Protein backbone atom coordinates (compact mmCIF):
# COMPACT_ATOMS: atom_id res chain seq x y z
CA MET A 1 -0.07 0.06 0.14
CA SER A 2 1.76 3.76 -0.94
CA ALA A 3 1.58 6.03 1.79
CA ASN A 4 -1.08 8.12 0.44
CA SER A 5 -3.10 5.45 0.01
CA ALA A 6 -2.53 3.87 3.86
CA ASP A 7 -3.17 7.96 4.31
CA GLU A 8 -6.18 8.67 3.29
CA GLN A 9 -7.56 4.79 5.14
CA HIS A 10 -6.21 6.12 8.48
CA ILE A 11 -8.13 9.63 8.01
CA HIS A 12 -11.23 7.56 6.88
CA ARG A 13 -10.70 6.02 10.39
CA ALA A 14 -10.59 8.98 12.30
CA LEU A 15 -13.06 9.82 10.52
CA GLU A 16 -15.20 7.21 11.33
CA LEU A 17 -13.57 7.42 15.28
CA ALA A 18 -15.03 11.37 15.21
CA ARG A 19 -18.34 10.94 13.49
CA GLN A 20 -18.97 8.03 16.84
CA ALA A 21 -19.85 10.88 19.35
CA MET A 22 -22.41 12.39 17.05
CA GLY A 23 -24.39 13.70 19.92
CA LEU A 24 -21.72 13.05 22.21
CA ALA A 25 -19.40 15.91 21.86
CA SER A 26 -21.46 19.33 21.68
CA PRO A 27 -20.72 22.22 22.02
CA ASN A 28 -17.66 20.88 21.24
CA PRO A 29 -16.28 19.91 17.78
CA TYR A 30 -15.94 16.01 16.33
CA VAL A 31 -12.58 14.30 16.83
CA GLY A 32 -10.91 11.20 16.21
CA SER A 33 -7.28 9.83 16.29
CA VAL A 34 -5.79 7.25 14.70
CA VAL A 35 -1.77 6.32 15.66
CA THR A 36 0.32 4.27 13.88
CA ASP A 37 4.04 3.30 14.57
CA PRO A 38 6.97 3.82 12.62
CA GLN A 39 6.04 0.50 10.27
CA GLY A 40 2.52 2.13 9.74
CA ASN A 41 0.73 -0.50 11.90
CA VAL A 42 -2.58 1.10 14.06
CA VAL A 43 -1.37 1.30 17.38
CA GLY A 44 -3.80 3.56 19.03
CA GLU A 45 -7.67 5.08 18.70
CA GLY A 46 -9.00 7.84 20.05
CA SER A 47 -12.70 9.19 20.01
CA TYR A 48 -13.63 12.69 21.96
CA THR A 49 -16.54 13.50 23.69
CA TYR A 50 -16.98 15.88 26.23
CA SER A 51 -18.45 14.21 29.20
CA GLY A 52 -15.39 12.06 28.99
CA VAL A 53 -12.88 15.34 28.70
CA LYS A 54 -9.38 13.62 26.97
CA HIS A 55 -9.47 14.83 23.39
CA ALA A 56 -9.56 11.88 20.71
CA GLU A 57 -5.31 12.11 20.11
CA ILE A 58 -4.40 12.22 24.12
CA LEU A 59 -6.70 8.64 23.56
CA ALA A 60 -4.71 7.78 21.34
CA LEU A 61 -1.55 7.95 22.68
CA GLU A 62 -2.35 6.54 25.56
CA GLY A 63 -3.38 3.42 23.31
CA ALA A 64 -0.66 3.52 22.11
CA GLY A 65 1.79 3.78 24.67
CA THR A 66 5.88 4.25 24.07
CA GLN A 67 5.10 2.45 20.65
CA ALA A 68 3.83 5.88 19.54
CA CYS A 69 7.77 7.21 19.75
CA GLY A 70 8.78 7.69 15.84
CA GLY A 71 5.06 7.36 14.25
CA THR A 72 2.47 9.37 13.09
CA LEU A 73 -0.72 10.64 14.20
CA TYR A 74 -3.98 11.03 12.00
CA ILE A 75 -6.45 13.19 13.04
CA ASN A 76 -9.38 15.14 11.34
CA LEU A 77 -9.21 18.60 12.97
CA GLU A 78 -5.48 20.77 13.98
CA PRO A 79 -4.35 19.58 17.39
CA HIS A 80 -5.33 21.35 20.16
CA GLY A 81 -2.23 23.54 21.03
CA HIS A 82 -4.09 26.28 23.71
CA GLN A 83 -5.04 25.81 27.45
CA GLY A 84 -9.09 25.09 27.57
CA ARG A 85 -10.38 22.52 29.49
CA THR A 86 -7.27 20.10 28.99
CA PRO A 87 -3.35 20.93 28.62
CA PRO A 88 -1.98 21.94 24.90
CA CYS A 89 -2.71 17.84 22.81
CA THR A 90 0.72 19.22 20.99
CA ASP A 91 2.78 19.22 24.58
CA ALA A 92 1.83 15.07 24.05
CA LEU A 93 2.49 14.68 20.74
CA ILE A 94 5.84 16.04 21.04
CA LYS A 95 6.96 14.32 24.49
CA ALA A 96 5.84 11.01 22.98
CA GLY A 97 7.82 11.46 20.46
CA ILE A 98 5.56 11.53 17.57
CA GLN A 99 7.41 12.36 13.85
CA ARG A 100 4.44 13.09 11.97
CA VAL A 101 1.54 14.18 12.18
CA VAL A 102 -1.36 13.88 8.89
CA ALA A 103 -4.18 16.42 9.98
CA SER A 104 -7.63 16.70 7.38
CA MET A 105 -8.26 20.79 8.45
CA ALA A 106 -6.95 23.76 10.90
CA ASP A 107 -9.08 24.52 13.10
CA PRO A 108 -11.86 26.95 11.97
CA ASN A 109 -11.71 28.74 15.28
CA PRO A 110 -9.74 31.88 14.38
CA LYS A 111 -7.81 32.59 17.69
CA VAL A 112 -6.11 29.64 18.13
CA SER A 113 -5.84 28.35 14.41
CA GLY A 114 -2.59 26.73 12.97
CA GLN A 115 -1.08 27.26 16.08
CA GLY A 116 -1.13 23.47 17.10
CA PHE A 117 0.57 22.98 13.71
CA GLU A 118 3.06 25.77 13.99
CA GLN A 119 4.40 24.39 17.81
CA LEU A 120 4.52 20.94 16.72
CA ARG A 121 6.86 22.18 13.23
CA HIS A 122 9.04 24.31 15.42
CA ALA A 123 9.24 20.96 17.33
CA GLY A 124 10.32 19.18 14.21
CA VAL A 125 7.34 17.49 13.86
CA HIS A 126 6.26 16.93 9.96
CA VAL A 127 2.96 18.42 9.47
CA GLU A 128 0.86 17.59 6.48
CA VAL A 129 -3.05 19.53 6.12
CA GLY A 130 -5.54 18.59 3.59
CA GLN A 131 -6.03 15.28 3.79
CA LEU A 132 -10.00 14.74 3.26
CA ASP A 133 -10.73 18.29 4.29
CA GLU A 134 -14.19 18.16 2.68
CA GLN A 135 -15.53 15.78 4.90
CA SER A 136 -13.91 17.37 7.44
CA ARG A 137 -15.47 20.86 7.70
CA LYS A 138 -19.15 18.88 6.69
CA LEU A 139 -18.66 16.92 9.76
CA ASN A 140 -17.53 19.96 12.39
CA GLU A 141 -19.91 22.58 10.26
CA ALA A 142 -21.89 24.00 13.32
CA PHE A 143 -18.97 23.92 15.44
CA ALA A 144 -16.81 26.53 12.36
CA ARG A 145 -20.58 28.54 12.29
CA TYR A 146 -21.13 28.25 16.22
CA ILE A 147 -16.79 29.14 17.37
CA ARG A 148 -17.12 32.22 14.53
CA HIS A 149 -20.47 34.12 14.96
CA ARG A 150 -21.30 31.98 18.78
CA THR A 151 -25.15 31.34 17.19
CA PRO A 152 -26.24 28.17 15.75
CA LEU A 153 -25.78 27.05 12.49
CA VAL A 154 -29.46 26.54 10.88
CA THR A 155 -30.70 24.55 8.72
CA LEU A 156 -34.21 24.29 7.21
CA LYS A 157 -35.94 21.12 6.57
CA ALA A 158 -38.62 19.81 5.50
CA ALA A 159 -40.95 17.37 3.68
CA MET A 160 -42.84 18.10 0.70
CA THR A 161 -44.72 17.09 -3.20
CA LEU A 162 -42.92 17.30 -6.17
CA ASP A 163 -45.30 20.75 -6.24
CA GLY A 164 -43.74 21.54 -3.26
CA LYS A 165 -46.55 21.23 -1.00
CA ILE A 166 -45.90 20.23 2.67
CA ALA A 167 -50.05 20.04 3.18
CA PRO A 168 -53.42 19.28 2.02
CA ALA A 169 -56.12 22.53 2.30
CA PRO A 170 -56.72 23.40 5.58
CA ALA A 171 -60.42 23.02 4.60
CA GLU A 172 -59.82 19.17 3.71
CA ALA A 173 -57.49 18.92 7.04
CA ILE A 174 -57.88 15.83 9.85
CA THR A 175 -57.19 17.58 13.23
CA ALA A 176 -53.96 15.50 14.89
CA ASN A 177 -53.74 14.45 17.94
CA ASN A 178 -50.82 11.53 17.98
CA GLY A 179 -48.24 13.51 15.85
CA ILE A 180 -49.48 12.62 12.27
CA PRO A 181 -50.01 15.82 10.67
CA PRO A 182 -53.37 16.75 8.76
CA GLY A 183 -54.10 14.80 5.87
CA GLY A 184 -51.42 12.12 6.29
CA TRP A 185 -47.97 11.62 5.85
CA ILE A 186 -46.14 12.79 2.98
CA THR A 187 -43.39 11.39 2.85
CA SER A 188 -42.05 7.58 2.55
CA GLU A 189 -41.31 5.76 6.12
CA ILE A 190 -37.83 5.43 5.61
CA ALA A 191 -37.47 9.46 4.87
CA ARG A 192 -39.39 9.89 8.09
CA ALA A 193 -37.11 7.36 9.94
CA HIS A 194 -33.63 9.24 8.01
CA VAL A 195 -35.75 12.65 9.78
CA HIS A 196 -34.54 11.10 13.36
CA GLU A 197 -30.63 10.14 11.94
CA LEU A 198 -30.93 14.45 11.11
CA ARG A 199 -31.99 15.37 14.65
CA HIS A 200 -29.95 13.22 15.91
CA GLN A 201 -27.19 15.38 14.73
CA HIS A 202 -28.19 18.34 15.95
CA ASP A 203 -28.61 20.16 19.60
CA ALA A 204 -32.18 21.75 19.26
CA LEU A 205 -35.87 21.58 16.82
CA LEU A 206 -37.79 24.04 16.47
CA VAL A 207 -41.34 25.24 15.16
CA GLY A 208 -43.77 27.64 15.45
CA SER A 209 -47.08 27.57 17.86
CA GLY A 210 -48.55 26.34 14.46
CA THR A 211 -47.44 22.94 14.17
CA ILE A 212 -48.01 21.84 17.95
CA LEU A 213 -51.68 23.30 17.16
CA SER A 214 -52.29 21.13 14.32
CA ASP A 215 -49.75 18.35 14.03
CA ASN A 216 -49.37 17.43 18.07
CA PRO A 217 -46.26 16.00 18.22
CA LEU A 218 -43.56 15.42 20.20
CA LEU A 219 -39.79 16.72 18.64
CA THR A 220 -38.04 13.89 19.99
CA ASP A 221 -35.26 12.64 18.75
CA ARG A 222 -36.21 8.67 18.10
CA SER A 223 -32.99 7.49 16.35
CA GLY A 224 -31.93 5.23 19.57
CA LYS A 225 -28.32 6.78 19.58
CA PRO A 226 -27.31 7.86 22.59
CA ARG A 227 -27.07 12.04 23.67
CA ARG A 228 -24.61 14.09 25.88
CA ARG A 229 -27.79 16.31 26.64
CA PRO A 230 -31.15 16.29 25.54
CA LEU A 231 -32.59 17.58 21.81
CA LEU A 232 -34.07 20.98 23.01
CA ARG A 233 -37.46 21.33 21.41
CA VAL A 234 -38.13 25.21 21.10
CA ILE A 235 -41.26 26.62 20.10
CA LEU A 236 -42.14 29.90 18.60
CA ASP A 237 -45.27 30.96 20.34
CA SER A 238 -45.98 34.99 20.44
CA ARG A 239 -48.88 34.75 22.34
CA LEU A 240 -47.96 31.87 24.07
CA ARG A 241 -51.15 29.44 22.77
CA LEU A 242 -49.01 26.11 23.85
CA PRO A 243 -51.74 23.87 24.86
CA LEU A 244 -51.30 22.54 28.34
CA ASP A 245 -52.88 19.29 27.64
CA SER A 246 -50.42 19.00 24.29
CA ARG A 247 -47.77 15.73 23.93
CA LEU A 248 -45.47 18.17 24.29
CA VAL A 249 -46.09 20.33 27.18
CA ARG A 250 -47.33 16.61 29.35
CA ASP A 251 -43.41 14.71 27.89
CA ALA A 252 -41.99 17.73 29.26
CA ALA A 253 -43.89 17.69 32.49
CA SER A 254 -43.17 14.05 32.29
CA ASN A 255 -39.32 13.69 31.61
CA GLN A 256 -38.27 16.86 33.56
CA LYS A 257 -35.06 16.78 31.73
CA ASN A 258 -35.89 21.04 30.72
CA ASP A 259 -35.36 20.05 27.92
CA VAL A 260 -38.84 22.79 26.06
CA LEU A 261 -38.03 26.19 25.99
CA ILE A 262 -40.72 28.67 24.58
CA PHE A 263 -40.07 32.24 23.48
CA CYS A 264 -42.71 34.67 23.36
CA SER A 265 -43.50 38.22 23.30
CA VAL A 266 -46.38 38.73 25.19
CA GLY A 267 -49.16 35.81 27.04
CA ASP A 268 -50.46 35.42 30.02
CA GLU A 269 -48.50 35.38 33.11
CA LYS A 270 -50.54 32.92 34.80
CA LYS A 271 -50.14 30.72 31.55
CA GLN A 272 -46.16 31.10 32.10
CA ALA A 273 -46.66 29.75 35.20
CA ALA A 274 -48.44 27.54 34.92
CA LEU A 275 -46.77 26.33 31.99
CA GLU A 276 -42.97 26.98 34.23
CA LYS A 277 -44.37 25.44 37.19
CA ILE A 278 -44.55 21.67 35.35
CA GLY A 279 -41.02 22.05 33.83
CA VAL A 280 -41.37 24.24 30.67
CA ARG A 281 -38.86 27.06 29.74
CA VAL A 282 -40.85 30.68 28.50
CA GLU A 283 -38.79 33.54 27.06
CA LYS A 284 -39.55 36.49 26.57
CA ILE A 285 -37.83 37.95 23.33
CA PRO A 286 -38.96 41.30 21.72
CA ALA A 287 -41.16 41.02 18.82
CA LEU A 288 -40.29 42.35 15.29
CA GLU A 289 -41.90 45.98 14.42
CA SER A 290 -42.57 44.71 11.06
CA ASP A 291 -45.07 42.07 11.63
CA GLY A 292 -44.95 41.49 15.70
CA ARG A 293 -43.29 37.60 15.55
CA PRO A 294 -40.62 37.44 17.57
CA ASP A 295 -36.83 38.41 16.60
CA LEU A 296 -35.20 35.46 15.20
CA GLU A 297 -32.07 36.82 15.30
CA ALA A 298 -32.41 37.49 19.00
CA ILE A 299 -33.12 33.90 19.71
CA LEU A 300 -30.43 32.59 17.52
CA ARG A 301 -28.18 34.87 19.68
CA ARG A 302 -30.13 33.25 23.06
CA LEU A 303 -29.56 29.83 21.71
CA GLY A 304 -25.50 30.71 21.38
CA GLU A 305 -25.59 31.82 24.92
CA LEU A 306 -27.18 28.68 25.93
CA GLU A 307 -24.16 27.02 24.05
CA ILE A 308 -26.84 25.01 21.52
CA LEU A 309 -24.55 24.54 17.95
CA SER A 310 -26.84 23.12 15.56
CA LEU A 311 -30.59 24.14 15.48
CA MET A 312 -32.97 22.32 12.86
CA ILE A 313 -36.21 24.20 11.81
CA GLU A 314 -38.95 21.94 11.21
CA GLY A 315 -42.33 24.46 11.42
CA GLY A 316 -44.54 24.82 8.67
CA ALA A 317 -44.65 27.59 5.96
CA THR A 318 -45.02 30.91 8.33
CA ILE A 319 -41.87 29.74 9.98
CA ASN A 320 -39.97 28.65 6.90
CA GLY A 321 -40.80 32.13 4.91
CA ALA A 322 -39.82 34.32 8.34
CA ALA A 323 -36.81 32.14 8.86
CA LEU A 324 -35.14 32.63 4.93
CA ALA A 325 -37.01 36.23 4.39
CA ALA A 326 -34.32 37.19 8.14
CA GLY A 327 -31.85 35.56 6.39
CA ILE A 328 -30.74 33.09 8.69
CA VAL A 329 -30.66 29.79 7.01
CA ASP A 330 -27.63 28.40 6.68
CA LYS A 331 -28.72 25.08 4.53
CA VAL A 332 -31.83 23.18 3.67
CA PHE A 333 -32.35 19.96 3.60
CA LEU A 334 -35.10 19.21 1.85
CA TYR A 335 -37.18 16.10 1.23
CA TYR A 336 -39.37 15.24 -1.83
CA ALA A 337 -42.01 12.20 -2.41
CA PRO A 338 -43.26 11.38 -5.78
CA LYS A 339 -47.00 12.36 -5.45
CA ILE A 340 -48.60 16.08 -6.59
CA LEU A 341 -51.05 17.38 -5.03
CA ALA A 342 -52.32 20.68 -6.58
CA GLY A 343 -55.02 23.07 -5.18
CA THR A 344 -54.63 26.41 -5.30
CA GLY A 345 -54.92 26.00 -1.58
CA SER A 346 -52.89 23.30 -0.54
CA VAL A 347 -49.82 24.92 1.45
CA PRO A 348 -46.94 25.51 0.04
CA PHE A 349 -43.47 25.60 1.59
CA ALA A 350 -43.20 28.79 2.05
CA ALA A 351 -45.22 31.31 2.88
CA GLY A 352 -44.68 35.02 3.42
CA PRO A 353 -44.25 37.86 0.94
CA GLY A 354 -41.38 36.27 -0.25
CA PHE A 355 -38.62 37.11 -3.11
CA ARG A 356 -39.82 39.86 -5.48
CA GLN A 357 -37.23 39.44 -8.05
CA MET A 358 -35.37 36.38 -9.18
CA SER A 359 -32.28 37.95 -8.87
CA GLN A 360 -33.36 38.35 -4.62
CA ALA A 361 -34.15 34.34 -4.17
CA ALA A 362 -32.55 32.73 -1.55
CA GLN A 363 -29.69 30.76 -3.59
CA VAL A 364 -28.66 27.15 -2.85
CA GLN A 365 -25.64 25.96 -3.28
CA ARG A 366 -23.17 22.91 -3.54
CA LEU A 367 -26.17 20.82 -3.76
CA HIS A 368 -26.42 16.89 -2.79
CA LEU A 369 -28.89 14.56 -3.37
CA HIS A 370 -29.87 11.69 -1.32
CA ARG A 371 -32.24 8.72 -2.51
CA PHE A 372 -34.96 7.11 0.62
CA GLY A 373 -37.24 4.38 -1.05
CA GLU A 374 -38.97 6.48 -4.08
CA ASP A 375 -38.01 9.49 -2.06
CA PHE A 376 -35.64 11.66 -2.86
CA ALA A 377 -33.73 14.84 -0.62
CA VAL A 378 -31.92 17.86 -1.53
CA GLU A 379 -29.37 18.68 0.99
CA GLY A 380 -27.61 22.57 -0.17
CA TYR A 381 -26.01 25.55 1.28
CA LEU A 382 -27.12 29.64 1.37
CA ARG A 383 -23.85 30.10 3.08
CA ASP A 384 -20.60 29.09 3.42
CA PRO A 385 -19.92 27.85 7.96
CA TYR A 386 -16.26 28.42 7.36
CA THR A 387 -16.55 32.07 5.42
CA ASP A 388 -19.95 33.79 5.68
């Protein structure tokens, strides 16, 4: 096996190790590491989790022991070169006698980016950067957005028909009482199962009160995978209309995880006290003068203060339109079913005034298609988490 193919293989493994910490590393990045001895044999591996404290490279060094001397460290993110919750990992690498470091990308934190590489090179360690960088950048895009702006990466998710409808006309809808949308599911069970994979990858979900009133959903992560923090369920409820007997409120009352947060502009104080008494958090956010709805940018800043790195919007047409108009969406994940609802009364993907000219339309770039049986999804970016 050539050196280049071996390097790629080991970085692939480092990325696999990093992905194993999905749901366990936030608010820090996903990092995996592999150590090989001078002959190229794997002698240590590590995957970072927030609760585990020790960084991936330290765990890999501990697994390798003295066999790390003269060897190579493979890692998807620049080794930690500054004092944080733990001492600099670069010191440990130098002390262990690592002679070569192969990394996918630099730390996206502008305050420390490149410092770890510089320290290693200064100590005589050979450093190579860029192996599988595209995969690594995607893996830690939420961390990149958060560490640069202190606000979460926002993904707008929706399921719709081929003609862009997310629900039948309201007059035809059947009131939901068990989480099934009015009018029934649009996408297949396979696609809906993938939604829970997406939820697992996020720190928080956001919907409007209209979704709760019409669908009565739980908004939980049912992927079955472990999480360090519960999925935060965020509700935009300008006038505090959330029913006390909704499934969401009853679930919050029973699990006592403090995982439901309502943002309102106005609301009955008795209703707020009742919600807070049973474990639902309520915070007031000033309304925008234009439409009286909570300020979405202010909400993102507040979520950033709570160390929420990633937020997925799963609302209806009103929330979707408002998010696009506010310019807060970083990426989209749009599911399509091979169905056509038609009809002027069917609910569109996004409501509101929209963009008046084609030149103003939200431009989705770096498109990637996914297949889920007969359904498919379009994933793409409205802005780059690393530069915008």
